[in-house]
Amino acid sequence: MIEKVYQFTDTNDFIMEKIIDDEHVNINHIVVAPGGSVPVHVANSNVYQIIVRGTISLRLEEEPVAHYPTGSIVAIPFNTKMDIRNEGSETLEFFVVKAPNPRSMPATKKI
């Protein structure tokens, strides 16, 4: 078999799980219930958020909050402060693709 298959959790409960962590890329799966959030942090690579369910409420640096619905892919540059929330009434589910893998990147700024 040439391909490799990865699994992710099907849930409505909060979860942050690392799916792939190899020399090329890091892919995480995140589910956030309505009213929930992800801890504020700084992008440790070039980040692509793929929203597959719900609407992500995203504040980058000190910019106003932006809302991106299912079907959106949001690109966030390395070293950008992120505040991710689910301000909607539906469960938020998204995948985070980090390329290159953060292990290959320099240290991020402090927040």
N, C-alpha and C. Protein backbone atom coordinates (compact mmCIF):
# COMPACT_ATOMS: atom_id res chain seq x y z
N MET A 1 0.84 -1.17 0.00
CA MET A 1 0.00 0.00 0.00
C MET A 1 0.89 1.24 0.00
N ILE A 2 0.67 2.12 -0.93
CA ILE A 2 1.47 3.34 -1.06
C ILE A 2 0.99 4.43 -0.12
N GLU A 3 -0.32 4.58 -0.02
CA GLU A 3 -0.89 5.67 0.77
C GLU A 3 -0.83 5.37 2.27
N LYS A 4 -0.93 6.44 3.04
CA LYS A 4 -1.04 6.32 4.49
C LYS A 4 -2.35 7.00 4.88
N VAL A 5 -3.13 6.37 5.73
CA VAL A 5 -4.43 6.90 6.13
C VAL A 5 -4.36 7.40 7.56
N TYR A 6 -4.90 8.58 7.79
CA TYR A 6 -4.94 9.18 9.12
C TYR A 6 -6.40 9.30 9.55
N GLN A 7 -6.65 9.16 10.83
CA GLN A 7 -7.99 9.27 11.39
C GLN A 7 -8.09 10.51 12.26
N PHE A 8 -9.30 11.07 12.34
CA PHE A 8 -9.56 12.16 13.28
C PHE A 8 -10.87 11.87 13.98
N THR A 9 -11.07 12.50 15.12
CA THR A 9 -12.22 12.23 15.97
C THR A 9 -13.46 12.95 15.47
N ASP A 10 -14.58 12.24 15.41
CA ASP A 10 -15.88 12.81 15.06
C ASP A 10 -16.60 13.13 16.37
N THR A 11 -16.67 14.42 16.73
CA THR A 11 -17.22 14.82 18.02
C THR A 11 -17.81 16.22 17.94
N ASN A 12 -18.64 16.53 18.91
CA ASN A 12 -19.13 17.90 19.10
C ASN A 12 -18.47 18.54 20.31
N ASP A 13 -17.67 17.76 21.04
CA ASP A 13 -16.98 18.25 22.24
C ASP A 13 -15.66 18.89 21.86
N PHE A 14 -15.17 19.78 22.73
CA PHE A 14 -13.89 20.44 22.48
C PHE A 14 -12.78 19.41 22.32
N ILE A 15 -12.01 19.59 21.27
CA ILE A 15 -10.85 18.72 21.04
C ILE A 15 -9.81 19.49 20.23
N MET A 16 -8.56 19.28 20.56
CA MET A 16 -7.43 19.76 19.75
C MET A 16 -6.53 18.55 19.60
N GLU A 17 -6.50 17.99 18.39
CA GLU A 17 -5.69 16.79 18.19
C GLU A 17 -4.75 16.95 17.01
N LYS A 18 -3.53 16.47 17.20
CA LYS A 18 -2.53 16.48 16.15
C LYS A 18 -2.77 15.25 15.28
N ILE A 19 -2.98 15.45 14.00
CA ILE A 19 -3.26 14.35 13.07
C ILE A 19 -1.99 13.91 12.35
N ILE A 20 -1.25 14.89 11.82
CA ILE A 20 -0.01 14.59 11.10
C ILE A 20 1.08 15.50 11.63
N ASP A 21 2.24 14.92 11.87
CA ASP A 21 3.40 15.67 12.32
C ASP A 21 4.63 15.00 11.73
N ASP A 22 4.92 15.35 10.48
CA ASP A 22 6.09 14.76 9.82
C ASP A 22 7.05 15.85 9.37
N GLU A 23 8.05 15.50 8.62
CA GLU A 23 9.08 16.47 8.23
C GLU A 23 8.58 17.57 7.30
N HIS A 24 7.41 17.38 6.69
CA HIS A 24 6.90 18.34 5.72
C HIS A 24 5.83 19.26 6.26
N VAL A 25 4.93 18.71 7.09
CA VAL A 25 3.74 19.45 7.47
C VAL A 25 3.24 19.01 8.85
N ASN A 26 2.47 19.87 9.45
CA ASN A 26 1.79 19.58 10.71
C ASN A 26 0.32 19.88 10.47
N ILE A 27 -0.57 18.90 10.75
CA ILE A 27 -2.01 19.10 10.56
C ILE A 27 -2.72 18.76 11.86
N ASN A 28 -3.52 19.72 12.33
CA ASN A 28 -4.29 19.56 13.56
C ASN A 28 -5.78 19.62 13.24
N HIS A 29 -6.57 19.00 14.08
CA HIS A 29 -8.03 18.99 13.98
C HIS A 29 -8.56 19.60 15.27
N ILE A 30 -9.44 20.60 15.13
CA ILE A 30 -9.95 21.31 16.31
C ILE A 30 -11.47 21.41 16.22
N VAL A 31 -12.13 21.12 17.33
CA VAL A 31 -13.58 21.27 17.45
C VAL A 31 -13.84 22.15 18.67
N VAL A 32 -14.71 23.16 18.49
CA VAL A 32 -15.01 24.11 19.56
C VAL A 32 -16.53 24.26 19.65
N ALA A 33 -17.09 24.01 20.82
CA ALA A 33 -18.53 24.17 21.05
C ALA A 33 -18.90 25.65 21.02
N PRO A 34 -20.17 25.96 20.79
CA PRO A 34 -20.62 27.36 20.84
C PRO A 34 -20.21 28.03 22.16
N GLY A 35 -19.68 29.24 22.05
CA GLY A 35 -19.22 29.98 23.22
C GLY A 35 -17.81 29.64 23.65
N GLY A 36 -17.20 28.63 23.04
CA GLY A 36 -15.85 28.21 23.41
C GLY A 36 -14.77 28.95 22.66
N SER A 37 -13.53 28.65 23.02
CA SER A 37 -12.38 29.31 22.37
C SER A 37 -11.15 28.41 22.45
N VAL A 38 -10.16 28.79 21.67
CA VAL A 38 -8.84 28.17 21.69
C VAL A 38 -7.93 29.16 22.42
N PRO A 39 -7.00 28.71 23.26
CA PRO A 39 -6.11 29.66 23.94
C PRO A 39 -5.41 30.59 22.93
N VAL A 40 -5.30 31.86 23.29
CA VAL A 40 -4.61 32.84 22.45
C VAL A 40 -3.17 32.39 22.28
N HIS A 41 -2.68 32.46 21.05
CA HIS A 41 -1.32 32.01 20.77
C HIS A 41 -0.80 32.70 19.52
N VAL A 42 0.45 32.44 19.20
CA VAL A 42 1.12 33.02 18.02
C VAL A 42 1.35 31.91 17.01
N ALA A 43 1.06 32.19 15.74
CA ALA A 43 1.27 31.21 14.67
C ALA A 43 2.74 30.84 14.60
N ASN A 44 3.03 29.54 14.78
CA ASN A 44 4.42 29.10 14.78
C ASN A 44 4.89 28.58 13.43
N SER A 45 4.09 28.84 12.40
CA SER A 45 4.44 28.53 11.01
C SER A 45 3.46 29.31 10.13
N ASN A 46 3.49 29.08 8.85
CA ASN A 46 2.44 29.59 7.97
C ASN A 46 1.24 28.69 8.21
N VAL A 47 0.10 29.29 8.55
CA VAL A 47 -1.07 28.53 8.99
C VAL A 47 -2.21 28.69 7.99
N TYR A 48 -2.86 27.57 7.70
CA TYR A 48 -4.04 27.56 6.85
C TYR A 48 -5.15 26.88 7.63
N GLN A 49 -6.21 27.63 7.93
CA GLN A 49 -7.34 27.09 8.68
C GLN A 49 -8.44 26.74 7.68
N ILE A 50 -8.86 25.48 7.68
CA ILE A 50 -9.89 25.00 6.77
C ILE A 50 -11.14 24.75 7.60
N ILE A 51 -12.16 25.61 7.43
CA ILE A 51 -13.37 25.52 8.24
C ILE A 51 -14.33 24.54 7.56
N VAL A 52 -14.66 23.45 8.28
CA VAL A 52 -15.52 22.41 7.72
C VAL A 52 -16.90 22.38 8.36
N ARG A 53 -17.06 23.10 9.49
CA ARG A 53 -18.37 23.16 10.14
C ARG A 53 -18.43 24.40 11.01
N GLY A 54 -19.53 25.12 10.94
CA GLY A 54 -19.70 26.31 11.77
C GLY A 54 -19.01 27.53 11.19
N THR A 55 -18.82 28.51 12.04
CA THR A 55 -18.17 29.77 11.66
C THR A 55 -17.08 30.09 12.67
N ILE A 56 -15.89 30.36 12.19
CA ILE A 56 -14.79 30.73 13.07
C ILE A 56 -14.80 32.25 13.26
N SER A 57 -14.64 32.69 14.50
CA SER A 57 -14.48 34.11 14.82
C SER A 57 -13.01 34.29 15.15
N LEU A 58 -12.33 35.10 14.35
CA LEU A 58 -10.88 35.17 14.38
C LEU A 58 -10.41 36.60 14.52
N ARG A 59 -9.62 36.83 15.57
CA ARG A 59 -8.99 38.14 15.76
C ARG A 59 -7.49 37.94 15.60
N LEU A 60 -6.89 38.63 14.65
CA LEU A 60 -5.45 38.57 14.40
C LEU A 60 -4.81 39.86 14.88
N GLU A 61 -3.75 39.73 15.68
CA GLU A 61 -3.08 40.88 16.28
C GLU A 61 -4.14 41.73 16.99
N GLU A 62 -4.23 43.01 16.68
CA GLU A 62 -5.22 43.89 17.32
C GLU A 62 -6.31 44.31 16.34
N GLU A 63 -6.44 43.57 15.25
CA GLU A 63 -7.46 43.86 14.24
C GLU A 63 -8.86 43.51 14.78
N PRO A 64 -9.91 44.03 14.15
CA PRO A 64 -11.27 43.63 14.55
C PRO A 64 -11.50 42.14 14.27
N VAL A 65 -12.44 41.56 14.98
CA VAL A 65 -12.80 40.15 14.78
C VAL A 65 -13.42 39.99 13.40
N ALA A 66 -13.00 38.94 12.69
CA ALA A 66 -13.58 38.58 11.39
C ALA A 66 -14.23 37.21 11.54
N HIS A 67 -15.27 36.96 10.77
CA HIS A 67 -16.01 35.71 10.84
C HIS A 67 -15.92 35.00 9.49
N TYR A 68 -15.54 33.71 9.52
CA TYR A 68 -15.39 32.93 8.29
C TYR A 68 -16.22 31.66 8.42
N PRO A 69 -17.14 31.43 7.47
CA PRO A 69 -18.05 30.28 7.56
C PRO A 69 -17.48 29.01 6.96
N THR A 70 -18.24 27.93 7.12
CA THR A 70 -17.92 26.64 6.50
C THR A 70 -17.55 26.86 5.04
N GLY A 71 -16.50 26.18 4.61
CA GLY A 71 -16.05 26.29 3.22
C GLY A 71 -14.95 27.31 3.02
N SER A 72 -14.58 28.03 4.07
CA SER A 72 -13.52 29.03 3.98
C SER A 72 -12.17 28.40 4.31
N ILE A 73 -11.14 28.91 3.68
CA ILE A 73 -9.76 28.59 4.04
C ILE A 73 -9.08 29.92 4.34
N VAL A 74 -8.58 30.06 5.56
CA VAL A 74 -7.99 31.31 6.01
C VAL A 74 -6.48 31.11 6.15
N ALA A 75 -5.70 31.93 5.45
CA ALA A 75 -4.24 31.86 5.52
C ALA A 75 -3.74 32.92 6.51
N ILE A 76 -2.92 32.48 7.45
CA ILE A 76 -2.39 33.36 8.48
C ILE A 76 -0.87 33.28 8.47
N PRO A 77 -0.20 34.43 8.37
CA PRO A 77 1.26 34.41 8.29
C PRO A 77 1.92 33.98 9.60
N PHE A 78 3.11 33.46 9.47
CA PHE A 78 3.96 33.11 10.60
C PHE A 78 4.07 34.29 11.57
N ASN A 79 4.10 34.01 12.85
CA ASN A 79 4.35 34.98 13.91
C ASN A 79 3.21 35.97 14.12
N THR A 80 1.99 35.57 13.79
CA THR A 80 0.80 36.41 13.96
C THR A 80 0.04 35.95 15.20
N LYS A 81 -0.30 36.87 16.08
CA LYS A 81 -1.10 36.56 17.27
C LYS A 81 -2.53 36.21 16.83
N MET A 82 -3.06 35.10 17.40
CA MET A 82 -4.39 34.63 17.01
C MET A 82 -5.27 34.44 18.24
N ASP A 83 -6.50 34.93 18.14
CA ASP A 83 -7.54 34.69 19.14
C ASP A 83 -8.70 34.03 18.39
N ILE A 84 -8.92 32.74 18.64
CA ILE A 84 -9.91 31.95 17.91
C ILE A 84 -11.07 31.64 18.84
N ARG A 85 -12.28 31.98 18.38
CA ARG A 85 -13.48 31.75 19.18
C ARG A 85 -14.61 31.19 18.32
N ASN A 86 -15.55 30.57 19.00
CA ASN A 86 -16.80 30.16 18.35
C ASN A 86 -17.90 31.02 18.93
N GLU A 87 -18.24 32.10 18.25
CA GLU A 87 -19.29 33.01 18.70
C GLU A 87 -20.64 32.63 18.11
N GLY A 88 -20.68 31.56 17.32
CA GLY A 88 -21.91 31.13 16.68
C GLY A 88 -22.71 30.17 17.54
N SER A 89 -23.83 29.69 16.98
CA SER A 89 -24.71 28.76 17.70
C SER A 89 -24.46 27.31 17.28
N GLU A 90 -23.60 27.12 16.29
CA GLU A 90 -23.28 25.78 15.78
C GLU A 90 -21.86 25.40 16.20
N THR A 91 -21.60 24.12 16.37
CA THR A 91 -20.25 23.65 16.67
C THR A 91 -19.30 24.08 15.56
N LEU A 92 -18.11 24.55 15.93
CA LEU A 92 -17.06 24.93 15.00
C LEU A 92 -16.08 23.77 14.86
N GLU A 93 -15.79 23.40 13.63
CA GLU A 93 -14.80 22.36 13.36
C GLU A 93 -13.90 22.83 12.24
N PHE A 94 -12.59 22.72 12.45
CA PHE A 94 -11.66 23.13 11.41
C PHE A 94 -10.36 22.36 11.52
N PHE A 95 -9.64 22.35 10.41
CA PHE A 95 -8.32 21.74 10.35
C PHE A 95 -7.30 22.86 10.21
N VAL A 96 -6.16 22.67 10.84
CA VAL A 96 -5.07 23.63 10.76
C VAL A 96 -3.90 22.94 10.07
N VAL A 97 -3.49 23.50 8.94
CA VAL A 97 -2.34 23.00 8.20
C VAL A 97 -1.20 23.98 8.41
N LYS A 98 -0.09 23.48 8.93
CA LYS A 98 1.09 24.31 9.17
C LYS A 98 2.21 23.83 8.26
N ALA A 99 2.66 24.74 7.39
CA ALA A 99 3.71 24.38 6.45
C ALA A 99 4.69 25.55 6.33
N PRO A 100 5.97 25.29 6.52
CA PRO A 100 6.54 24.00 6.87
C PRO A 100 6.21 23.63 8.31
N ASN A 101 6.56 22.43 8.69
CA ASN A 101 6.35 21.98 10.06
C ASN A 101 7.00 22.99 11.00
N PRO A 102 6.33 23.38 12.09
CA PRO A 102 6.91 24.36 13.02
C PRO A 102 8.30 24.00 13.54
N ARG A 103 8.65 22.73 13.52
CA ARG A 103 10.01 22.36 13.96
C ARG A 103 11.08 23.01 13.10
N SER A 104 10.71 23.40 11.86
CA SER A 104 11.66 24.00 10.93
C SER A 104 11.68 25.53 11.00
N MET A 105 10.85 26.10 11.87
CA MET A 105 10.70 27.55 11.93
C MET A 105 11.45 28.14 13.13
N PRO A 106 11.79 29.44 13.04
CA PRO A 106 12.42 30.11 14.19
C PRO A 106 11.42 30.30 15.33
N ALA A 107 11.89 30.71 16.47
CA ALA A 107 11.02 30.97 17.62
C ALA A 107 10.05 32.12 17.30
N THR A 108 8.88 32.09 17.93
CA THR A 108 7.89 33.13 17.74
C THR A 108 8.05 34.23 18.78
N LYS A 109 7.37 35.34 18.53
CA LYS A 109 7.37 36.45 19.50
C LYS A 109 6.58 36.04 20.74
N LYS A 110 6.79 36.72 21.83
CA LYS A 110 6.06 36.49 23.07
C LYS A 110 4.79 37.32 23.07
N ILE A 111 3.73 36.78 23.71
CA ILE A 111 2.49 37.57 23.83
C ILE A 111 2.15 37.80 25.29
